[in-house]
PDB file of N, CA and C in Angstrom:
ATOM      1  N   MET A   1     -22.872  -7.050  24.080  1.00  0.00           N
ATOM      2  CA  MET A   1     -21.716  -6.845  24.946  1.00  0.00           C
ATOM      3  C   MET A   1     -20.459  -7.393  24.268  1.00  0.00           C
ATOM      4  N   VAL A   2     -19.359  -6.695  24.447  1.00  0.00           N
ATOM      5  CA  VAL A   2     -18.079  -7.118  23.881  1.00  0.00           C
ATOM      6  C   VAL A   2     -17.610  -8.381  24.594  1.00  0.00           C
ATOM      7  N   LYS A   3     -17.257  -9.387  23.826  1.00  0.00           N
ATOM      8  CA  LYS A   3     -16.808 -10.652  24.403  1.00  0.00           C
ATOM      9  C   LYS A   3     -15.293 -10.786  24.407  1.00  0.00           C
ATOM     10  N   ARG A   4     -14.637 -10.040  23.488  1.00  0.00           N
ATOM     11  CA  ARG A   4     -13.179 -10.098  23.444  1.00  0.00           C
ATOM     12  C   ARG A   4     -12.622  -8.712  23.165  1.00  0.00           C
ATOM     13  N   ILE A   5     -11.480  -8.466  23.773  1.00  0.00           N
ATOM     14  CA  ILE A   5     -10.728  -7.245  23.531  1.00  0.00           C
ATOM     15  C   ILE A   5      -9.335  -7.674  23.106  1.00  0.00           C
ATOM     16  N   TYR A   6      -8.527  -6.716  22.694  1.00  0.00           N
ATOM     17  CA  TYR A   6      -7.252  -7.067  22.079  1.00  0.00           C
ATOM     18  C   TYR A   6      -6.083  -6.350  22.746  1.00  0.00           C
ATOM     19  N   LYS A   7      -4.995  -7.100  22.875  1.00  0.00           N
ATOM     20  CA  LYS A   7      -3.743  -6.577  23.406  1.00  0.00           C
ATOM     21  C   LYS A   7      -2.661  -6.783  22.359  1.00  0.00           C
ATOM     22  N   LEU A   8      -1.876  -5.754  22.118  1.00  0.00           N
ATOM     23  CA  LEU A   8      -0.715  -5.857  21.246  1.00  0.00           C
ATOM     24  C   LEU A   8       0.503  -6.080  22.127  1.00  0.00           C
ATOM     25  N   ALA A   9       1.295  -7.077  21.782  1.00  0.00           N
ATOM     26  CA  ALA A   9       2.491  -7.395  22.561  1.00  0.00           C
ATOM     27  C   ALA A   9       3.550  -7.959  21.624  1.00  0.00           C
ATOM     28  N   THR A  10       4.801  -7.762  21.990  1.00  0.00           N
ATOM     29  CA  THR A  10       5.876  -8.369  21.203  1.00  0.00           C
ATOM     30  C   THR A  10       5.948  -9.857  21.533  1.00  0.00           C
ATOM     31  N   ARG A  11       6.558 -10.606  20.640  1.00  0.00           N
ATOM     32  CA  ARG A  11       6.730 -12.047  20.900  1.00  0.00           C
ATOM     33  C   ARG A  11       7.483 -12.272  22.209  1.00  0.00           C
ATOM     34  N   GLN A  12       8.494 -11.448  22.466  1.00  0.00           N
ATOM     35  CA  GLN A  12       9.278 -11.600  23.694  1.00  0.00           C
ATOM     36  C   GLN A  12       8.426 -11.332  24.931  1.00  0.00           C
ATOM     37  N   GLN A  13       7.637 -10.270  24.907  1.00  0.00           N
ATOM     38  CA  GLN A  13       6.758  -9.974  26.047  1.00  0.00           C
ATOM     39  C   GLN A  13       5.790 -11.123  26.303  1.00  0.00           C
ATOM     40  N   TRP A  14       5.230 -11.677  25.244  1.00  0.00           N
ATOM     41  CA  TRP A  14       4.251 -12.755  25.388  1.00  0.00           C
ATOM     42  C   TRP A  14       4.921 -14.041  25.854  1.00  0.00           C
ATOM     43  N   ALA A  15       6.129 -14.321  25.359  1.00  0.00           N
ATOM     44  CA  ALA A  15       6.859 -15.514  25.805  1.00  0.00           C
ATOM     45  C   ALA A  15       7.164 -15.425  27.301  1.00  0.00           C
ATOM     46  N   GLU A  16       7.580 -14.260  27.758  1.00  0.00           N
ATOM     47  CA  GLU A  16       7.855 -14.067  29.183  1.00  0.00           C
ATOM     48  C   GLU A  16       6.579 -14.228  30.008  1.00  0.00           C
ATOM     49  N   ALA A  17       5.473 -13.701  29.507  1.00  0.00           N
ATOM     50  CA  ALA A  17       4.191 -13.829  30.213  1.00  0.00           C
ATOM     51  C   ALA A  17       3.766 -15.292  30.303  1.00  0.00           C
ATOM     52  N   ARG A  18       3.897 -16.022  29.205  1.00  0.00           N
ATOM     53  CA  ARG A  18       3.524 -17.448  29.226  1.00  0.00           C
ATOM     54  C   ARG A  18       4.371 -18.202  30.236  1.00  0.00           C
ATOM     55  N   ASP A  19       5.659 -17.882  30.317  1.00  0.00           N
ATOM     56  CA  ASP A  19       6.538 -18.553  31.279  1.00  0.00           C
ATOM     57  C   ASP A  19       6.112 -18.277  32.720  1.00  0.00           C
ATOM     58  N   MET A  20       5.620 -17.062  32.976  1.00  0.00           N
ATOM     59  CA  MET A  20       5.195 -16.665  34.327  1.00  0.00           C
ATOM     60  C   MET A  20       3.753 -17.052  34.623  1.00  0.00           C
ATOM     61  N   GLY A  21       2.970 -17.286  33.562  1.00  0.00           N
ATOM     62  CA  GLY A  21       1.556 -17.593  33.750  1.00  0.00           C
ATOM     63  C   GLY A  21       0.677 -16.357  33.813  1.00  0.00           C
ATOM     64  N   GLN A  22       1.289 -15.186  33.700  1.00  0.00           N
ATOM     65  CA  GLN A  22       0.530 -13.938  33.715  1.00  0.00           C
ATOM     66  C   GLN A  22       1.292 -12.852  32.977  1.00  0.00           C
ATOM     67  N   PHE A  23       0.533 -11.931  32.418  1.00  0.00           N
ATOM     68  CA  PHE A  23       1.109 -10.785  31.714  1.00  0.00           C
ATOM     69  C   PHE A  23       0.993  -9.585  32.641  1.00  0.00           C
ATOM     70  N   LEU A  24       2.125  -9.045  33.044  1.00  0.00           N
ATOM     71  CA  LEU A  24       2.145  -7.909  33.957  1.00  0.00           C
ATOM     72  C   LEU A  24       1.966  -6.594  33.221  1.00  0.00           C
ATOM     73  N   GLY A  25       2.276  -6.613  31.926  1.00  0.00           N
ATOM     74  CA  GLY A  25       2.130  -5.423  31.111  1.00  0.00           C
ATOM     75  C   GLY A  25       3.415  -5.070  30.395  1.00  0.00           C
ATOM     76  N   ALA A  26       3.259  -4.324  29.301  1.00  0.00           N
ATOM     77  CA  ALA A  26       4.389  -3.768  28.570  1.00  0.00           C
ATOM     78  C   ALA A  26       4.905  -2.559  29.351  1.00  0.00           C
ATOM     79  N   PRO A  27       6.058  -2.014  28.986  1.00  0.00           N
ATOM     80  CA  PRO A  27       6.568  -0.848  29.714  1.00  0.00           C
ATOM     81  C   PRO A  27       5.564   0.296  29.844  1.00  0.00           C
ATOM     82  N   VAL A  28       4.800   0.592  28.795  1.00  0.00           N
ATOM     83  CA  VAL A  28       3.809   1.669  28.880  1.00  0.00           C
ATOM     84  C   VAL A  28       2.703   1.324  29.877  1.00  0.00           C
ATOM     85  N   ASP A  29       2.322   0.052  29.946  1.00  0.00           N
ATOM     86  CA  ASP A  29       1.302  -0.383  30.902  1.00  0.00           C
ATOM     87  C   ASP A  29       1.805  -0.204  32.337  1.00  0.00           C
ATOM     88  N   LEU A  30       3.038  -0.631  32.575  1.00  0.00           N
ATOM     89  CA  LEU A  30       3.614  -0.521  33.911  1.00  0.00           C
ATOM     90  C   LEU A  30       3.732   0.937  34.329  1.00  0.00           C
ATOM     91  N   ALA A  31       4.105   1.809  33.395  1.00  0.00           N
ATOM     92  CA  ALA A  31       4.223   3.237  33.696  1.00  0.00           C
ATOM     93  C   ALA A  31       2.863   3.862  34.003  1.00  0.00           C
ATOM     94  N   ASP A  32       1.811   3.426  33.299  1.00  0.00           N
ATOM     95  CA  ASP A  32       0.478   4.006  33.481  1.00  0.00           C
ATOM     96  C   ASP A  32      -0.317   3.369  34.622  1.00  0.00           C
ATOM     97  N   GLY A  33       0.111   2.206  35.097  1.00  0.00           N
ATOM     98  CA  GLY A  33      -0.570   1.554  36.206  1.00  0.00           C
ATOM     99  C   GLY A  33      -1.732   0.667  35.812  1.00  0.00           C
ATOM    100  N   PHE A  34      -1.874   0.383  34.532  1.00  0.00           N
ATOM    101  CA  PHE A  34      -2.912  -0.522  34.049  1.00  0.00           C
ATOM    102  C   PHE A  34      -2.489  -1.071  32.692  1.00  0.00           C
ATOM    103  N   ILE A  35      -3.113  -2.175  32.286  1.00  0.00           N
ATOM    104  CA  ILE A  35      -2.827  -2.775  30.981  1.00  0.00           C
ATOM    105  C   ILE A  35      -3.799  -2.200  29.964  1.00  0.00           C
ATOM    106  N   HIS A  36      -3.254  -1.646  28.905  1.00  0.00           N
ATOM    107  CA  HIS A  36      -4.038  -1.047  27.824  1.00  0.00           C
ATOM    108  C   HIS A  36      -4.562  -2.135  26.890  1.00  0.00           C
ATOM    109  N   PHE A  37      -5.831  -2.063  26.542  1.00  0.00           N
ATOM    110  CA  PHE A  37      -6.444  -2.937  25.553  1.00  0.00           C
ATOM    111  C   PHE A  37      -7.175  -2.072  24.541  1.00  0.00           C
ATOM    112  N   SER A  38      -7.582  -2.687  23.453  1.00  0.00           N
ATOM    113  CA  SER A  38      -8.389  -2.028  22.427  1.00  0.00           C
ATOM    114  C   SER A  38      -9.504  -2.969  22.007  1.00  0.00           C
ATOM    115  N   THR A  39     -10.565  -2.394  21.462  1.00  0.00           N
ATOM    116  CA  THR A  39     -11.615  -3.204  20.851  1.00  0.00           C
ATOM    117  C   THR A  39     -11.191  -3.541  19.421  1.00  0.00           C
ATOM    118  N   ALA A  40     -11.972  -4.386  18.768  1.00  0.00           N
ATOM    119  CA  ALA A  40     -11.686  -4.719  17.369  1.00  0.00           C
ATOM    120  C   ALA A  40     -11.683  -3.474  16.498  1.00  0.00           C
ATOM    121  N   ALA A  41     -12.565  -2.532  16.791  1.00  0.00           N
ATOM    122  CA  ALA A  41     -12.659  -1.303  16.002  1.00  0.00           C
ATOM    123  C   ALA A  41     -11.499  -0.345  16.272  1.00  0.00           C
ATOM    124  N   GLN A  42     -10.810  -0.497  17.392  1.00  0.00           N
ATOM    125  CA  GLN A  42      -9.751   0.434  17.792  1.00  0.00           C
ATOM    126  C   GLN A  42      -8.337  -0.076  17.557  1.00  0.00           C
ATOM    127  N   VAL A  43      -8.156  -1.386  17.481  1.00  0.00           N
ATOM    128  CA  VAL A  43      -6.811  -1.953  17.591  1.00  0.00           C
ATOM    129  C   VAL A  43      -5.896  -1.617  16.409  1.00  0.00           C
ATOM    130  N   GLU A  44      -6.420  -1.516  15.203  1.00  0.00           N
ATOM    131  CA  GLU A  44      -5.547  -1.176  14.080  1.00  0.00           C
ATOM    132  C   GLU A  44      -4.993   0.236  14.219  1.00  0.00           C
ATOM    133  N   GLU A  45      -5.824   1.173  14.662  1.00  0.00           N
ATOM    134  CA  GLU A  45      -5.336   2.533  14.875  1.00  0.00           C
ATOM    135  C   GLU A  45      -4.306   2.565  16.005  1.00  0.00           C
ATOM    136  N   THR A  46      -4.526   1.765  17.043  1.00  0.00           N
ATOM    137  CA  THR A  46      -3.553   1.671  18.132  1.00  0.00           C
ATOM    138  C   THR A  46      -2.210   1.188  17.600  1.00  0.00           C
ATOM    139  N   ALA A  47      -2.227   0.182  16.750  1.00  0.00           N
ATOM    140  CA  ALA A  47      -0.984  -0.333  16.181  1.00  0.00           C
ATOM    141  C   ALA A  47      -0.298   0.718  15.317  1.00  0.00           C
ATOM    142  N   ARG A  48      -1.064   1.429  14.502  1.00  0.00           N
ATOM    143  CA  ARG A  48      -0.484   2.476  13.647  1.00  0.00           C
ATOM    144  C   ARG A  48       0.127   3.600  14.474  1.00  0.00           C
ATOM    145  N   LYS A  49      -0.544   3.963  15.546  1.00  0.00           N
ATOM    146  CA  LYS A  49      -0.101   5.094  16.362  1.00  0.00           C
ATOM    147  C   LYS A  49       1.096   4.748  17.248  1.00  0.00           C
ATOM    148  N   HIS A  50       1.108   3.547  17.817  1.00  0.00           N
ATOM    149  CA  HIS A  50       2.103   3.218  18.834  1.00  0.00           C
ATOM    150  C   HIS A  50       3.101   2.121  18.453  1.00  0.00           C
ATOM    151  N   PHE A  51       2.838   1.372  17.372  1.00  0.00           N
ATOM    152  CA  PHE A  51       3.674   0.208  17.078  1.00  0.00           C
ATOM    153  C   PHE A  51       4.192   0.161  15.643  1.00  0.00           C
ATOM    154  N   GLN A  52       4.092   1.257  14.902  1.00  0.00           N
ATOM    155  CA  GLN A  52       4.569   1.234  13.516  1.00  0.00           C
ATOM    156  C   GLN A  52       6.035   0.824  13.489  1.00  0.00           C
ATOM    157  N   GLY A  53       6.355  -0.132  12.634  1.00  0.00           N
ATOM    158  CA  GLY A  53       7.725  -0.604  12.464  1.00  0.00           C
ATOM    159  C   GLY A  53       8.192  -1.598  13.508  1.00  0.00           C
ATOM    160  N   VAL A  54       7.352  -1.933  14.490  1.00  0.00           N
ATOM    161  CA  VAL A  54       7.739  -2.906  15.517  1.00  0.00           C
ATOM    162  C   VAL A  54       7.594  -4.301  14.925  1.00  0.00           C
ATOM    163  N   ASP A  55       8.708  -4.984  14.803  1.00  0.00           N
ATOM    164  CA  ASP A  55       8.720  -6.332  14.238  1.00  0.00           C
ATOM    165  C   ASP A  55       8.299  -7.323  15.329  1.00  0.00           C
ATOM    166  N   ASP A  56       7.816  -8.470  14.922  1.00  0.00           N
ATOM    167  CA  ASP A  56       7.429  -9.543  15.847  1.00  0.00           C
ATOM    168  C   ASP A  56       6.293  -9.153  16.780  1.00  0.00           C
ATOM    169  N   LEU A  57       5.340  -8.406  16.263  1.00  0.00           N
ATOM    170  CA  LEU A  57       4.192  -8.008  17.066  1.00  0.00           C
ATOM    171  C   LEU A  57       3.102  -9.066  16.976  1.00  0.00           C
ATOM    172  N   LEU A  58       2.472  -9.317  18.111  1.00  0.00           N
ATOM    173  CA  LEU A  58       1.355 -10.259  18.182  1.00  0.00           C
ATOM    174  C   LEU A  58       0.086  -9.519  18.569  1.00  0.00           C
ATOM    175  N   LEU A  59      -1.016 -10.036  18.088  1.00  0.00           N
ATOM    176  CA  LEU A  59      -2.333  -9.570  18.479  1.00  0.00           C
ATOM    177  C   LEU A  59      -2.942 -10.662  19.341  1.00  0.00           C
ATOM    178  N   LEU A  60      -3.257 -10.320  20.583  1.00  0.00           N
ATOM    179  CA  LEU A  60      -3.836 -11.278  21.511  1.00  0.00           C
ATOM    180  C   LEU A  60      -5.319 -10.968  21.687  1.00  0.00           C
ATOM    181  N   ALA A  61      -6.165 -11.941  21.397  1.00  0.00           N
ATOM    182  CA  ALA A  61      -7.609 -11.813  21.613  1.00  0.00           C
ATOM    183  C   ALA A  61      -7.893 -12.312  23.027  1.00  0.00           C
ATOM    184  N   VAL A  62      -8.461 -11.450  23.850  1.00  0.00           N
ATOM    185  CA  VAL A  62      -8.586 -11.712  25.279  1.00  0.00           C
ATOM    186  C   VAL A  62     -10.060 -11.753  25.689  1.00  0.00           C
ATOM    187  N   SER A  63     -10.399 -12.706  26.531  1.00  0.00           N
ATOM    188  CA  SER A  63     -11.768 -12.885  27.020  1.00  0.00           C
ATOM    189  C   SER A  63     -12.137 -11.808  28.040  1.00  0.00           C
ATOM    190  N   VAL A  64     -13.141 -11.013  27.717  1.00  0.00           N
ATOM    191  CA  VAL A  64     -13.642 -10.000  28.649  1.00  0.00           C
ATOM    192  C   VAL A  64     -14.228 -10.682  29.888  1.00  0.00           C
ATOM    193  N   GLU A  65     -14.908 -11.786  29.692  1.00  0.00           N
ATOM    194  CA  GLU A  65     -15.518 -12.506  30.820  1.00  0.00           C
ATOM    195  C   GLU A  65     -14.461 -12.916  31.842  1.00  0.00           C
ATOM    196  N   GLN A  66     -13.336 -13.461  31.374  1.00  0.00           N
ATOM    197  CA  GLN A  66     -12.289 -13.880  32.310  1.00  0.00           C
ATOM    198  C   GLN A  66     -11.654 -12.687  33.017  1.00  0.00           C
ATOM    199  N   LEU A  67     -11.439 -11.596  32.284  1.00  0.00           N
ATOM    200  CA  LEU A  67     -10.845 -10.410  32.919  1.00  0.00           C
ATOM    201  C   LEU A  67     -11.800  -9.794  33.928  1.00  0.00           C
ATOM    202  N   SER A  68     -13.085  -9.828  33.639  1.00  0.00           N
ATOM    203  CA  SER A  68     -14.083  -9.244  34.537  1.00  0.00           C
ATOM    204  C   SER A  68     -14.183 -10.009  35.848  1.00  0.00           C
ATOM    205  N   ALA A  69     -13.739 -11.257  35.859  1.00  0.00           N
ATOM    206  CA  ALA A  69     -13.788 -12.080  37.066  1.00  0.00           C
ATOM    207  C   ALA A  69     -12.582 -11.860  37.979  1.00  0.00           C
ATOM    208  N   LEU A  70     -11.601 -11.069  37.534  1.00  0.00           N
ATOM    209  CA  LEU A  70     -10.403 -10.831  38.335  1.00  0.00           C
ATOM    210  C   LEU A  70     -10.686  -9.845  39.458  1.00  0.00           C
ATOM    211  N   GLU A  71      -9.812  -9.861  40.453  1.00  0.00           N
ATOM    212  CA  GLU A  71      -9.962  -8.938  41.584  1.00  0.00           C
ATOM    213  C   GLU A  71      -9.758  -7.488  41.141  1.00  0.00           C
ATOM    214  N   GLY A  72      -8.743  -7.244  40.307  1.00  0.00           N
ATOM    215  CA  GLY A  72      -8.509  -5.897  39.783  1.00  0.00           C
ATOM    216  C   GLY A  72      -9.507  -5.618  38.682  1.00  0.00           C
ATOM    217  N   PRO A  73     -10.071  -4.415  38.665  1.00  0.00           N
ATOM    218  CA  PRO A  73     -11.160  -4.163  37.722  1.00  0.00           C
ATOM    219  C   PRO A  73     -10.716  -3.954  36.278  1.00  0.00           C
ATOM    220  N   LEU A  74     -11.611  -4.335  35.376  1.00  0.00           N
ATOM    221  CA  LEU A  74     -11.520  -3.971  33.967  1.00  0.00           C
ATOM    222  C   LEU A  74     -12.436  -2.767  33.810  1.00  0.00           C
ATOM    223  N   LYS A  75     -11.858  -1.622  33.479  1.00  0.00           N
ATOM    224  CA  LYS A  75     -12.632  -0.391  33.361  1.00  0.00           C
ATOM    225  C   LYS A  75     -12.591   0.105  31.924  1.00  0.00           C
ATOM    226  N   TRP A  76     -13.687   0.688  31.482  1.00  0.00           N
ATOM    227  CA  TRP A  76     -13.780   1.321  30.175  1.00  0.00           C
ATOM    228  C   TRP A  76     -13.647   2.820  30.405  1.00  0.00           C
ATOM    229  N   GLU A  77     -12.534   3.377  29.947  1.00  0.00           N
ATOM    230  CA  GLU A  77     -12.220   4.768  30.247  1.00  0.00           C
ATOM    231  C   GLU A  77     -11.943   5.557  28.975  1.00  0.00           C
ATOM    232  N   PRO A  78     -12.265   6.859  28.992  1.00  0.00           N
ATOM    233  CA  PRO A  78     -12.025   7.686  27.795  1.00  0.00           C
ATOM    234  C   PRO A  78     -10.538   7.837  27.513  1.00  0.00           C
ATOM    235  N   SER A  79     -10.218   7.782  26.236  1.00  0.00           N
ATOM    236  CA  SER A  79      -8.836   7.972  25.788  1.00  0.00           C
ATOM    237  C   SER A  79      -8.890   8.721  24.472  1.00  0.00           C
ATOM    238  N   ARG A  80      -8.221   8.196  23.470  1.00  0.00           N
ATOM    239  CA  ARG A  80      -8.109   8.841  22.157  1.00  0.00           C
ATOM    240  C   ARG A  80      -9.449   9.389  21.672  1.00  0.00           C
ATOM    241  N   GLY A  81      -9.540  10.689  21.524  1.00  0.00           N
ATOM    242  CA  GLY A  81     -10.751  11.302  20.993  1.00  0.00           C
ATOM    243  C   GLY A  81     -11.989  11.093  21.840  1.00  0.00           C
ATOM    244  N   GLY A  82     -11.811  10.743  23.108  1.00  0.00           N
ATOM    245  CA  GLY A  82     -12.947  10.520  23.991  1.00  0.00           C
ATOM    246  C   GLY A  82     -13.548   9.126  23.898  1.00  0.00           C
ATOM    247  N   ALA A  83     -13.021   8.278  23.001  1.00  0.00           N
ATOM    248  CA  ALA A  83     -13.525   6.906  22.882  1.00  0.00           C
ATOM    249  C   ALA A  83     -13.188   6.122  24.150  1.00  0.00           C
ATOM    250  N   LEU A  84     -14.069   5.191  24.509  1.00  0.00           N
ATOM    251  CA  LEU A  84     -13.829   4.357  25.678  1.00  0.00           C
ATOM    252  C   LEU A  84     -12.916   3.192  25.311  1.00  0.00           C
ATOM    253  N   PHE A  85     -11.847   3.034  26.084  1.00  0.00           N
ATOM    254  CA  PHE A  85     -10.894   1.945  25.892  1.00  0.00           C
ATOM    255  C   PHE A  85     -10.872   1.090  27.152  1.00  0.00           C
ATOM    256  N   PRO A  86     -10.718  -0.229  27.006  1.00  0.00           N
ATOM    257  CA  PRO A  86     -10.634  -1.101  28.171  1.00  0.00           C
ATOM    258  C   PRO A  86      -9.249  -1.039  28.809  1.00  0.00           C
ATOM    259  N   HIS A  87      -9.231  -0.876  30.128  1.00  0.00           N
ATOM    260  CA  HIS A  87      -7.993  -0.846  30.907  1.00  0.00           C
ATOM    261  C   HIS A  87      -8.139  -1.835  32.060  1.00  0.00           C
ATOM    262  N   LEU A  88      -7.132  -2.673  32.236  1.00  0.00           N
ATOM    263  CA  LEU A  88      -7.157  -3.675  33.303  1.00  0.00           C
ATOM    264  C   LEU A  88      -6.219  -3.245  34.427  1.00  0.00           C
ATOM    265  N   TYR A  89      -6.777  -3.125  35.622  1.00  0.00           N
ATOM    266  CA  TYR A  89      -6.008  -2.726  36.796  1.00  0.00           C
ATOM    267  C   TYR A  89      -5.592  -3.958  37.597  1.00  0.00           C
ATOM    268  N   ALA A  90      -4.984  -4.905  36.915  1.00  0.00           N
ATOM    269  CA  ALA A  90      -4.482  -6.148  37.503  1.00  0.00           C
ATOM    270  C   ALA A  90      -3.582  -6.796  36.457  1.00  0.00           C
ATOM    271  N   SER A  91      -2.887  -7.839  36.845  1.00  0.00           N
ATOM    272  CA  SER A  91      -2.154  -8.600  35.832  1.00  0.00           C
ATOM    273  C   SER A  91      -3.152  -9.478  35.073  1.00  0.00           C
ATOM    274  N   MET A  92      -2.784  -9.840  33.854  1.00  0.00           N
ATOM    275  CA  MET A  92      -3.669 -10.646  33.013  1.00  0.00           C
ATOM    276  C   MET A  92      -3.193 -12.099  33.010  1.00  0.00           C
ATOM    277  N   PRO A  93      -4.019 -13.034  33.457  1.00  0.00           N
ATOM    278  CA  PRO A  93      -3.621 -14.440  33.360  1.00  0.00           C
ATOM    279  C   PRO A  93      -3.534 -14.853  31.887  1.00  0.00           C
ATOM    280  N   VAL A  94      -2.523 -15.635  31.564  1.00  0.00           N
ATOM    281  CA  VAL A  94      -2.373 -16.043  30.162  1.00  0.00           C
ATOM    282  C   VAL A  94      -3.561 -16.879  29.702  1.00  0.00           C
ATOM    283  N   SER A  95      -4.265 -17.497  30.626  1.00  0.00           N
ATOM    284  CA  SER A  95      -5.445 -18.303  30.269  1.00  0.00           C
ATOM    285  C   SER A  95      -6.576 -17.452  29.706  1.00  0.00           C
ATOM    286  N   ALA A  96      -6.521 -16.129  29.893  1.00  0.00           N
ATOM    287  CA  ALA A  96      -7.564 -15.242  29.361  1.00  0.00           C
ATOM    288  C   ALA A  96      -7.422 -15.023  27.860  1.00  0.00           C
ATOM    289  N   VAL A  97      -6.278 -15.402  27.301  1.00  0.00           N
ATOM    290  CA  VAL A  97      -6.052 -15.214  25.864  1.00  0.00           C
ATOM    291  C   VAL A  97      -6.709 -16.349  25.098  1.00  0.00           C
ATOM    292  N   MET A  98      -7.653 -15.971  24.238  1.00  0.00           N
ATOM    293  CA  MET A  98      -8.427 -16.937  23.473  1.00  0.00           C
ATOM    294  C   MET A  98      -7.724 -17.335  22.173  1.00  0.00           C
ATOM    295  N   GLU A  99      -7.063 -16.373  21.553  1.00  0.00           N
ATOM    296  CA  GLU A  99      -6.352 -16.596  20.299  1.00  0.00           C
ATOM    297  C   GLU A  99      -5.183 -15.631  20.226  1.00  0.00           C
ATOM    298  N   GLU A 100      -4.170 -16.021  19.454  1.00  0.00           N
ATOM    299  CA  GLU A 100      -3.081 -15.091  19.170  1.00  0.00           C
ATOM    300  C   GLU A 100      -2.795 -15.126  17.671  1.00  0.00           C
ATOM    301  N   PHE A 101      -2.465 -13.953  17.151  1.00  0.00           N
ATOM    302  CA  PHE A 101      -2.207 -13.792  15.726  1.00  0.00           C
ATOM    303  C   PHE A 101      -0.879 -13.078  15.533  1.00  0.00           C
ATOM    304  N   ALA A 102      -0.057 -13.575  14.627  1.00  0.00           N
ATOM    305  CA  ALA A 102       1.144 -12.854  14.225  1.00  0.00           C
ATOM    306  C   ALA A 102       0.695 -11.698  13.329  1.00  0.00           C
ATOM    307  N   LEU A 103       1.361 -10.558  13.451  1.00  0.00           N
ATOM    308  CA  LEU A 103       1.020  -9.385  12.644  1.00  0.00           C
ATOM    309  C   LEU A 103       2.215  -9.026  11.754  1.00  0.00           C
ATOM    310  N   PRO A 104       2.262  -9.590  10.549  1.00  0.00           N
ATOM    311  CA  PRO A 104       3.353  -9.230   9.644  1.00  0.00           C
ATOM    312  C   PRO A 104       3.221  -7.769   9.228  1.00  0.00           C
ATOM    313  N   MET A 105       4.326  -7.193   8.761  1.00  0.00           N
ATOM    314  CA  MET A 105       4.305  -5.796   8.326  1.00  0.00           C
ATOM    315  C   MET A 105       4.275  -5.712   6.811  1.00  0.00           C
ATOM    316  N   ASP A 106       3.614  -4.668   6.334  1.00  0.00           N
ATOM    317  CA  ASP A 106       3.630  -4.390   4.901  1.00  0.00           C
ATOM    318  C   ASP A 106       4.892  -3.583   4.579  1.00  0.00           C
ATOM    319  N   GLY A 107       5.054  -3.177   3.346  1.00  0.00           N
ATOM    320  CA  GLY A 107       6.249  -2.474   2.903  1.00  0.00           C
ATOM    321  C   GLY A 107       6.440  -1.103   3.524  1.00  0.00           C
ATOM    322  N   GLU A 108       5.384  -0.558   4.132  1.00  0.00           N
ATOM    323  CA  GLU A 108       5.474   0.767   4.747  1.00  0.00           C
ATOM    324  C   GLU A 108       5.629   0.699   6.267  1.00  0.00           C
ATOM    325  N   GLY A 109       5.786  -0.508   6.804  1.00  0.00           N
ATOM    326  CA  GLY A 109       5.978  -0.660   8.247  1.00  0.00           C
ATOM    327  C   GLY A 109       4.700  -0.721   9.055  1.00  0.00           C
ATOM    328  N   PHE A 110       3.554  -0.894   8.372  1.00  0.00           N
ATOM    329  CA  PHE A 110       2.284  -1.041   9.070  1.00  0.00           C
ATOM    330  C   PHE A 110       1.930  -2.520   9.156  1.00  0.00           C
ATOM    331  N   HIS A 111       1.250  -2.889  10.209  1.00  0.00           N
ATOM    332  CA  HIS A 111       0.905  -4.297  10.425  1.00  0.00           C
ATOM    333  C   HIS A 111      -0.337  -4.699   9.635  1.00  0.00           C
ATOM    334  N   VAL A 112      -0.313  -5.933   9.167  1.00  0.00           N
ATOM    335  CA  VAL A 112      -1.426  -6.504   8.415  1.00  0.00           C
ATOM    336  C   VAL A 112      -2.251  -7.333   9.410  1.00  0.00           C
ATOM    337  N   PHE A 113      -3.504  -6.936   9.566  1.00  0.00           N
ATOM    338  CA  PHE A 113      -4.390  -7.544  10.556  1.00  0.00           C
ATOM    339  C   PHE A 113      -5.282  -8.612   9.935  1.00  0.00           C
ATOM    340  N   PRO A 114      -5.610  -9.640  10.719  1.00  0.00           N
ATOM    341  CA  PRO A 114      -6.635 -10.581  10.283  1.00  0.00           C
ATOM    342  C   PRO A 114      -7.997  -9.896  10.330  1.00  0.00           C
ATOM    343  N   GLN A 115      -8.976 -10.488   9.712  1.00  0.00           N
ATOM    344  CA  GLN A 115     -10.342  -9.974   9.795  1.00  0.00           C
ATOM    345  C   GLN A 115     -10.854 -10.201  11.213  1.00  0.00           C
ATOM    346  N   LEU A 116     -11.223  -9.128  11.895  1.00  0.00           N
ATOM    347  CA  LEU A 116     -11.739  -9.242  13.258  1.00  0.00           C
ATOM    348  C   LEU A 116     -13.237  -8.983  13.257  1.00  0.00           C
ATOM    349  N   GLN A 117     -13.938  -9.760  14.040  1.00  0.00           N
ATOM    350  CA  GLN A 117     -15.378  -9.599  14.165  1.00  0.00           C
ATOM    351  C   GLN A 117     -15.657  -8.362  15.007  1.00  0.00           C
ATOM    352  N   GLN A 118     -16.423  -7.427  14.457  1.00  0.00           N
ATOM    353  CA  GLN A 118     -16.803  -6.226  15.190  1.00  0.00           C
ATOM    354  C   GLN A 118     -17.974  -6.580  16.099  1.00  0.00           C
ATOM    355  N   GLU A 119     -17.819  -6.318  17.383  1.00  0.00           N
ATOM    356  CA  GLU A 119     -18.868  -6.600  18.359  1.00  0.00           C
ATOM    357  C   GLU A 119     -19.439  -5.294  18.866  1.00  0.00           C
ATOM    358  N   GLU A 120     -20.640  -5.338  19.310  1.00  0.00           N
ATOM    359  CA  GLU A 120     -21.284  -4.150  19.913  1.00  0.00           C
ATOM    360  C   GLU A 120     -20.877  -4.051  21.364  1.00  0.00           C
TER     361      GLU A 120
END
């Protein structure tokens, strides 16, 4: 079972969430009605597709166990190419974030990711 999923957020979005104690979502999350997450296997493609050239991007490693305990459900739903992506239908408490990583950009505007453990 997947123990952690990943959220991409700007430093400003994350700073605001920490101040409030919860992450309500980025503009795309608010428009869609849920917070978008990716697995370790999906997150780099998500960054390439939706965040190329975005400076000050953070990768947040989030506890699936903590999100699953919330009143709003964490659902695995088909998205890109039919792959299942985690979507949270609630706000995310900042305490659910296990680790955060800065994502510097390479010369082509793509983010450089840390080595992430692939989970089943």
